[in-house]
Structures are given as structure tokens and as C-alpha cells.
PDB file of N, CA and C in Angstrom:
ATOM      1  N   MET A   1       0.557  -1.434   0.002  1.00  0.00           N
ATOM      2  CA  MET A   1      -0.023   0.110  -0.081  1.00  0.00           C
ATOM      3  C   MET A   1       0.847   1.267   0.335  1.00  0.00           C
ATOM      4  N   SER A   2       1.762   0.845  -0.341  1.00  0.00           N
ATOM      5  CA  SER A   2       2.759   1.856  -0.001  1.00  0.00           C
ATOM      6  C   SER A   2       2.366   2.954  -1.467  1.00  0.00           C
ATOM      7  N   ASN A   3       2.561   4.816  -1.233  1.00  0.00           N
ATOM      8  CA  ASN A   3       2.276   5.723  -2.103  1.00  0.00           C
ATOM      9  C   ASN A   3       0.848   5.392  -2.380  1.00  0.00           C
ATOM     10  N   THR A   4       0.209   5.306  -1.968  1.00  0.00           N
ATOM     11  CA  THR A   4      -1.686   4.626  -2.192  1.00  0.00           C
ATOM     12  C   THR A   4      -2.050   5.989  -1.270  1.00  0.00           C
ATOM     13  N   PRO A   5      -2.943   7.366  -1.894  1.00  0.00           N
ATOM     14  CA  PRO A   5      -3.174   7.991  -1.099  1.00  0.00           C
ATOM     15  C   PRO A   5      -4.323   7.935  -0.034  1.00  0.00           C
ATOM     16  N   GLY A   6      -3.814   8.552   0.800  1.00  0.00           N
ATOM     17  CA  GLY A   6      -4.849   8.033   2.582  1.00  0.00           C
ATOM     18  C   GLY A   6      -3.419   7.043   3.166  1.00  0.00           C
ATOM     19  N   THR A   7      -3.143   6.966   2.496  1.00  0.00           N
ATOM     20  CA  THR A   7      -1.890   5.662   3.821  1.00  0.00           C
ATOM     21  C   THR A   7      -0.735   6.570   4.183  1.00  0.00           C
ATOM     22  N   PHE A   8      -0.315   6.046   5.184  1.00  0.00           N
ATOM     23  CA  PHE A   8       0.805   6.480   6.101  1.00  0.00           C
ATOM     24  C   PHE A   8       1.461   5.168   6.432  1.00  0.00           C
ATOM     25  N   GLN A   9       3.176   5.094   6.302  1.00  0.00           N
ATOM     26  CA  GLN A   9       3.231   4.466   7.087  1.00  0.00           C
ATOM     27  C   GLN A   9       4.606   4.768   8.703  1.00  0.00           C
ATOM     28  N   ASN A  10       4.264   4.180   9.704  1.00  0.00           N
ATOM     29  CA  ASN A  10       5.400   4.676  10.597  1.00  0.00           C
ATOM     30  C   ASN A  10       6.618   3.329  10.505  1.00  0.00           C
ATOM     31  N   HIS A  11       7.655   3.666  10.170  1.00  0.00           N
ATOM     32  CA  HIS A  11       9.134   3.127   9.946  1.00  0.00           C
ATOM     33  C   HIS A  11       9.375   2.276  11.008  1.00  0.00           C
ATOM     34  N   GLY A  12       9.146   3.132  11.991  1.00  0.00           N
ATOM     35  CA  GLY A  12       9.723   2.703  13.358  1.00  0.00           C
ATOM     36  C   GLY A  12       9.405   1.413  13.784  1.00  0.00           C
ATOM     37  N   SER A  13       8.106   1.901  13.676  1.00  0.00           N
ATOM     38  CA  SER A  13       6.960   0.370  14.318  1.00  0.00           C
ATOM     39  C   SER A  13       6.287  -0.879  13.071  1.00  0.00           C
ATOM     40  N   ASP A  14       6.889  -0.291  11.218  1.00  0.00           N
ATOM     41  CA  ASP A  14       5.911  -1.051  10.548  1.00  0.00           C
ATOM     42  C   ASP A  14       4.563  -0.935  10.848  1.00  0.00           C
ATOM     43  N   LEU A  15       4.134  -0.187  11.251  1.00  0.00           N
ATOM     44  CA  LEU A  15       2.586   0.293  11.240  1.00  0.00           C
ATOM     45  C   LEU A  15       2.286   0.768   9.635  1.00  0.00           C
ATOM     46  N   GLU A  16       1.000   0.374   9.218  1.00  0.00           N
ATOM     47  CA  GLU A  16       0.537   1.334   8.551  1.00  0.00           C
ATOM     48  C   GLU A  16      -0.776   1.776   8.407  1.00  0.00           C
ATOM     49  N   PHE A  17      -1.211   2.923   7.946  1.00  0.00           N
ATOM     50  CA  PHE A  17      -2.250   3.566   8.498  1.00  0.00           C
ATOM     51  C   PHE A  17      -2.879   3.884   7.550  1.00  0.00           C
ATOM     52  N   VAL A  18      -4.406   4.162   7.670  1.00  0.00           N
ATOM     53  CA  VAL A  18      -5.186   4.564   6.716  1.00  0.00           C
ATOM     54  C   VAL A  18      -6.336   5.900   7.035  1.00  0.00           C
ATOM     55  N   ALA A  19      -6.609   6.739   6.103  1.00  0.00           N
ATOM     56  CA  ALA A  19      -7.380   7.768   6.834  1.00  0.00           C
ATOM     57  C   ALA A  19      -8.371   7.609   6.744  1.00  0.00           C
ATOM     58  N   LEU A  20      -8.871   7.723   7.828  1.00  0.00           N
ATOM     59  CA  LEU A  20     -10.364   7.563   7.867  1.00  0.00           C
ATOM     60  C   LEU A  20     -11.278   8.001   7.111  1.00  0.00           C
ATOM     61  N   THR A  21     -11.026   8.868   6.492  1.00  0.00           N
ATOM     62  CA  THR A  21     -11.928   8.709   4.703  1.00  0.00           C
ATOM     63  C   THR A  21     -11.916   7.570   3.888  1.00  0.00           C
ATOM     64  N   ARG A  22     -10.762   7.339   3.592  1.00  0.00           N
ATOM     65  CA  ARG A  22     -10.508   5.850   2.986  1.00  0.00           C
ATOM     66  C   ARG A  22     -11.501   4.608   3.273  1.00  0.00           C
ATOM     67  N   ALA A  23     -10.778   4.619   4.867  1.00  0.00           N
ATOM     68  CA  ALA A  23     -11.054   3.117   5.901  1.00  0.00           C
ATOM     69  C   ALA A  23     -12.071   2.314   5.250  1.00  0.00           C
ATOM     70  N   ALA A  24     -13.380   2.820   5.096  1.00  0.00           N
ATOM     71  CA  ALA A  24     -14.476   2.077   4.300  1.00  0.00           C
ATOM     72  C   ALA A  24     -14.462   1.265   2.857  1.00  0.00           C
ATOM     73  N   ASP A  25     -13.401   2.018   2.073  1.00  0.00           N
ATOM     74  CA  ASP A  25     -13.071   1.734   0.534  1.00  0.00           C
ATOM     75  C   ASP A  25     -12.387   0.581   0.404  1.00  0.00           C
ATOM     76  N   VAL A  26     -11.004   0.900   1.863  1.00  0.00           N
ATOM     77  CA  VAL A  26     -10.115  -0.237   1.340  1.00  0.00           C
ATOM     78  C   VAL A  26     -10.323  -1.029   2.276  1.00  0.00           C
ATOM     79  N   ALA A  27     -10.733  -1.376   3.566  1.00  0.00           N
ATOM     80  CA  ALA A  27     -11.573  -2.291   3.916  1.00  0.00           C
ATOM     81  C   ALA A  27     -12.543  -3.476   2.995  1.00  0.00           C
ATOM     82  N   GLY A  28     -13.691  -2.292   2.414  1.00  0.00           N
ATOM     83  CA  GLY A  28     -14.479  -2.979   1.676  1.00  0.00           C
ATOM     84  C   GLY A  28     -15.605  -3.050   2.385  1.00  0.00           C
ATOM     85  N   ILE A  29     -15.943  -2.401   3.737  1.00  0.00           N
ATOM     86  CA  ILE A  29     -17.358  -2.949   4.517  1.00  0.00           C
ATOM     87  C   ILE A  29     -17.732  -1.355   3.946  1.00  0.00           C
ATOM     88  N   ALA A  30     -19.159  -1.360   4.740  1.00  0.00           N
ATOM     89  CA  ALA A  30     -19.683   0.260   5.075  1.00  0.00           C
ATOM     90  C   ALA A  30     -19.510   0.722   6.086  1.00  0.00           C
ATOM     91  N   ALA A  31     -19.431   2.317   6.074  1.00  0.00           N
ATOM     92  CA  ALA A  31     -18.929   3.429   6.467  1.00  0.00           C
ATOM     93  C   ALA A  31     -19.682   2.782   7.625  1.00  0.00           C
ATOM     94  N   HIS A  32     -20.556   2.696   8.081  1.00  0.00           N
ATOM     95  CA  HIS A  32     -21.342   2.682   9.588  1.00  0.00           C
ATOM     96  C   HIS A  32     -20.340   1.270   9.862  1.00  0.00           C
ATOM     97  N   GLU A  33     -20.023   0.966   9.892  1.00  0.00           N
ATOM     98  CA  GLU A  33     -19.412  -0.759  10.573  1.00  0.00           C
ATOM     99  C   GLU A  33     -17.988   0.224  10.930  1.00  0.00           C
ATOM    100  N   VAL A  34     -17.280   1.028  10.290  1.00  0.00           N
ATOM    101  CA  VAL A  34     -16.080   1.725  10.346  1.00  0.00           C
ATOM    102  C   VAL A  34     -16.692   2.827  11.869  1.00  0.00           C
ATOM    103  N   THR A  35     -17.688   3.032  11.615  1.00  0.00           N
ATOM    104  CA  THR A  35     -17.739   4.645  13.103  1.00  0.00           C
ATOM    105  C   THR A  35     -18.246   3.655  13.864  1.00  0.00           C
ATOM    106  N   ASN A  36     -19.557   2.687  14.044  1.00  0.00           N
ATOM    107  CA  ASN A  36     -19.600   1.766  14.635  1.00  0.00           C
ATOM    108  C   ASN A  36     -18.043   1.118  15.268  1.00  0.00           C
ATOM    109  N   ALA A  37     -17.460   0.468  14.881  1.00  0.00           N
ATOM    110  CA  ALA A  37     -16.292  -0.181  15.682  1.00  0.00           C
ATOM    111  C   ALA A  37     -15.513   1.456  16.213  1.00  0.00           C
ATOM    112  N   ILE A  38     -15.339   2.428  15.707  1.00  0.00           N
ATOM    113  CA  ILE A  38     -14.702   3.470  16.716  1.00  0.00           C
ATOM    114  C   ILE A  38     -15.671   3.843  17.483  1.00  0.00           C
ATOM    115  N   SER A  39     -16.792   3.689  17.772  1.00  0.00           N
ATOM    116  CA  SER A  39     -17.789   4.375  19.076  1.00  0.00           C
ATOM    117  C   SER A  39     -17.490   3.056  20.053  1.00  0.00           C
ATOM    118  N   ASN A  40     -18.201   1.727  19.289  1.00  0.00           N
ATOM    119  CA  ASN A  40     -17.796   0.845  20.704  1.00  0.00           C
ATOM    120  C   ASN A  40     -16.221   0.904  20.707  1.00  0.00           C
ATOM    121  N   GLY A  41     -15.528   1.195  20.603  1.00  0.00           N
ATOM    122  CA  GLY A  41     -13.802   1.029  20.911  1.00  0.00           C
ATOM    123  C   GLY A  41     -13.279  -0.285  20.660  1.00  0.00           C
ATOM    124  N   HIS A  42     -13.790  -0.548  19.405  1.00  0.00           N
ATOM    125  CA  HIS A  42     -13.076  -1.911  18.751  1.00  0.00           C
ATOM    126  C   HIS A  42     -11.951  -1.230  17.794  1.00  0.00           C
ATOM    127  N   LEU A  43     -11.637  -0.078  17.194  1.00  0.00           N
ATOM    128  CA  LEU A  43     -10.634   0.352  16.326  1.00  0.00           C
ATOM    129  C   LEU A  43     -10.333   1.995  16.939  1.00  0.00           C
ATOM    130  N   GLN A  44      -9.084   2.024  17.307  1.00  0.00           N
ATOM    131  CA  GLN A  44      -8.545   2.926  17.741  1.00  0.00           C
ATOM    132  C   GLN A  44      -8.125   4.169  16.589  1.00  0.00           C
ATOM    133  N   VAL A  45      -8.143   5.042  16.868  1.00  0.00           N
ATOM    134  CA  VAL A  45      -8.333   6.385  15.721  1.00  0.00           C
ATOM    135  C   VAL A  45      -6.939   7.021  16.035  1.00  0.00           C
ATOM    136  N   HIS A  46      -5.526   6.961  15.578  1.00  0.00           N
ATOM    137  CA  HIS A  46      -4.450   7.690  15.912  1.00  0.00           C
ATOM    138  C   HIS A  46      -4.247   8.628  14.451  1.00  0.00           C
ATOM    139  N   GLU A  47      -3.428   9.903  15.133  1.00  0.00           N
ATOM    140  CA  GLU A  47      -3.355  11.218  13.938  1.00  0.00           C
ATOM    141  C   GLU A  47      -2.031  10.820  13.559  1.00  0.00           C
ATOM    142  N   VAL A  48      -2.032  11.186  12.418  1.00  0.00           N
ATOM    143  CA  VAL A  48      -0.473  10.642  11.583  1.00  0.00           C
ATOM    144  C   VAL A  48      -0.404  12.273  11.191  1.00  0.00           C
ATOM    145  N   SER A  49       0.468  13.160  10.898  1.00  0.00           N
ATOM    146  CA  SER A  49       0.111  14.477   9.871  1.00  0.00           C
ATOM    147  C   SER A  49      -0.404  14.819  10.008  1.00  0.00           C
ATOM    148  N   GLY A  50      -1.560  15.278  11.379  1.00  0.00           N
ATOM    149  CA  GLY A  50      -2.580  15.716  11.344  1.00  0.00           C
ATOM    150  C   GLY A  50      -3.811  15.155  10.199  1.00  0.00           C
ATOM    151  N   CYS A  51      -2.931  13.998  10.446  1.00  0.00           N
ATOM    152  CA  CYS A  51      -4.716  12.919   9.287  1.00  0.00           C
ATOM    153  C   CYS A  51      -5.170  11.946  10.405  1.00  0.00           C
ATOM    154  N   LYS A  52      -6.528  11.905  10.918  1.00  0.00           N
ATOM    155  CA  LYS A  52      -7.090  11.052  11.356  1.00  0.00           C
ATOM    156  C   LYS A  52      -7.077   9.866  11.034  1.00  0.00           C
ATOM    157  N   CYS A  53      -6.301   8.634  11.676  1.00  0.00           N
ATOM    158  CA  CYS A  53      -6.265   7.123  10.890  1.00  0.00           C
ATOM    159  C   CYS A  53      -6.383   6.328  11.606  1.00  0.00           C
ATOM    160  N   VAL A  54      -6.587   4.655  10.899  1.00  0.00           N
ATOM    161  CA  VAL A  54      -6.905   3.596  11.713  1.00  0.00           C
ATOM    162  C   VAL A  54      -5.591   2.250  11.752  1.00  0.00           C
ATOM    163  N   VAL A  55      -5.303   1.679  12.169  1.00  0.00           N
ATOM    164  CA  VAL A  55      -4.024   0.846  11.678  1.00  0.00           C
ATOM    165  C   VAL A  55      -4.872   0.280  10.692  1.00  0.00           C
ATOM    166  N   LEU A  56      -4.172  -0.715   9.626  1.00  0.00           N
ATOM    167  CA  LEU A  56      -4.625  -1.380   8.761  1.00  0.00           C
ATOM    168  C   LEU A  56      -5.001  -2.203   9.269  1.00  0.00           C
ATOM    169  N   PHE A  57      -3.914  -2.980   9.994  1.00  0.00           N
ATOM    170  CA  PHE A  57      -4.343  -4.643  10.360  1.00  0.00           C
ATOM    171  C   PHE A  57      -5.666  -4.364  11.511  1.00  0.00           C
ATOM    172  N   ASP A  58      -6.084  -3.196  12.101  1.00  0.00           N
ATOM    173  CA  ASP A  58      -6.999  -3.494  13.047  1.00  0.00           C
ATOM    174  C   ASP A  58      -8.058  -3.543  12.125  1.00  0.00           C
ATOM    175  N   LEU A  59      -8.039  -2.546  10.545  1.00  0.00           N
ATOM    176  CA  LEU A  59      -9.089  -2.231   9.947  1.00  0.00           C
ATOM    177  C   LEU A  59      -9.072  -4.166   9.428  1.00  0.00           C
ATOM    178  N   ILE A  60      -8.336  -4.875   9.111  1.00  0.00           N
ATOM    179  CA  ILE A  60      -8.836  -5.793   8.005  1.00  0.00           C
ATOM    180  C   ILE A  60      -8.993  -7.123   8.888  1.00  0.00           C
ATOM    181  N   ARG A  61      -8.557  -6.757  10.386  1.00  0.00           N
ATOM    182  CA  ARG A  61      -9.191  -7.787  11.658  1.00  0.00           C
ATOM    183  C   ARG A  61     -11.164  -7.867  11.304  1.00  0.00           C
ATOM    184  N   LEU A  62     -11.145  -6.343  11.665  1.00  0.00           N
ATOM    185  CA  LEU A  62     -12.842  -5.645  11.649  1.00  0.00           C
ATOM    186  C   LEU A  62     -13.356  -6.062  10.470  1.00  0.00           C
ATOM    187  N   LYS A  63     -12.919  -5.791   9.415  1.00  0.00           N
ATOM    188  CA  LYS A  63     -13.168  -7.175   7.823  1.00  0.00           C
ATOM    189  C   LYS A  63     -13.941  -8.329   8.029  1.00  0.00           C
ATOM    190  N   GLN A  64     -13.169  -8.671   8.960  1.00  0.00           N
ATOM    191  CA  GLN A  64     -12.845  -9.932   9.014  1.00  0.00           C
ATOM    192  C   GLN A  64     -13.964 -10.426   9.971  1.00  0.00           C
ATOM    193  N   GLU A  65     -14.062  -9.671  10.569  1.00  0.00           N
ATOM    194  CA  GLU A  65     -15.204 -10.545  12.048  1.00  0.00           C
ATOM    195  C   GLU A  65     -16.265 -10.185  11.702  1.00  0.00           C
ATOM    196  N   ALA A  66     -16.573  -8.705  11.197  1.00  0.00           N
ATOM    197  CA  ALA A  66     -17.577  -8.872   9.980  1.00  0.00           C
ATOM    198  C   ALA A  66     -19.001  -9.525   9.191  1.00  0.00           C
ATOM    199  N   SER A  67     -17.798 -10.500   8.403  1.00  0.00           N
ATOM    200  CA  SER A  67     -17.865 -11.510   7.265  1.00  0.00           C
ATOM    201  C   SER A  67     -18.335 -12.768   8.261  1.00  0.00           C
ATOM    202  N   GLN A  68     -18.491 -12.393   9.712  1.00  0.00           N
ATOM    203  CA  GLN A  68     -18.463 -13.557  10.337  1.00  0.00           C
ATOM    204  C   GLN A  68     -19.743 -13.988  10.685  1.00  0.00           C
TER     205      GLN A  68
END
């Protein structure tokens, strides 16, 4: 996902982040599922370079849980 608009990398921890505005599209789930996960505390929001983001790994895990 490097060099994709709306994505960020933390080279110190090797985490990849996705901007909230792109999270639902990247995961292929409905936007309200992302919003609900944030509200319920299942998905943590981080600020990267002034942009609110979620960790890509957590987003993928959310998609897998939603599909079950």
C-alpha cells in the first residue's frame, strides 16, 4: 500500500495507517461499520501528520469479524 493516497507508514514500528476517509473503501465494508467500531472502542483512531487514521491491521481484522 505504499504511495497510495490516504495511507501512511510508521517506519519505526512498521505499522501502516489508513485515513478515516478511505478506511471503508480500503476494507470493503460499509462506512457505518467503521464508525460503529470506533464508537464501541474496537477500532482506535490515531493522528498521523494531522490526519485521523486507523491501523491497517486493525481494519483488516474488523472486516474479518464483520464477515463472520
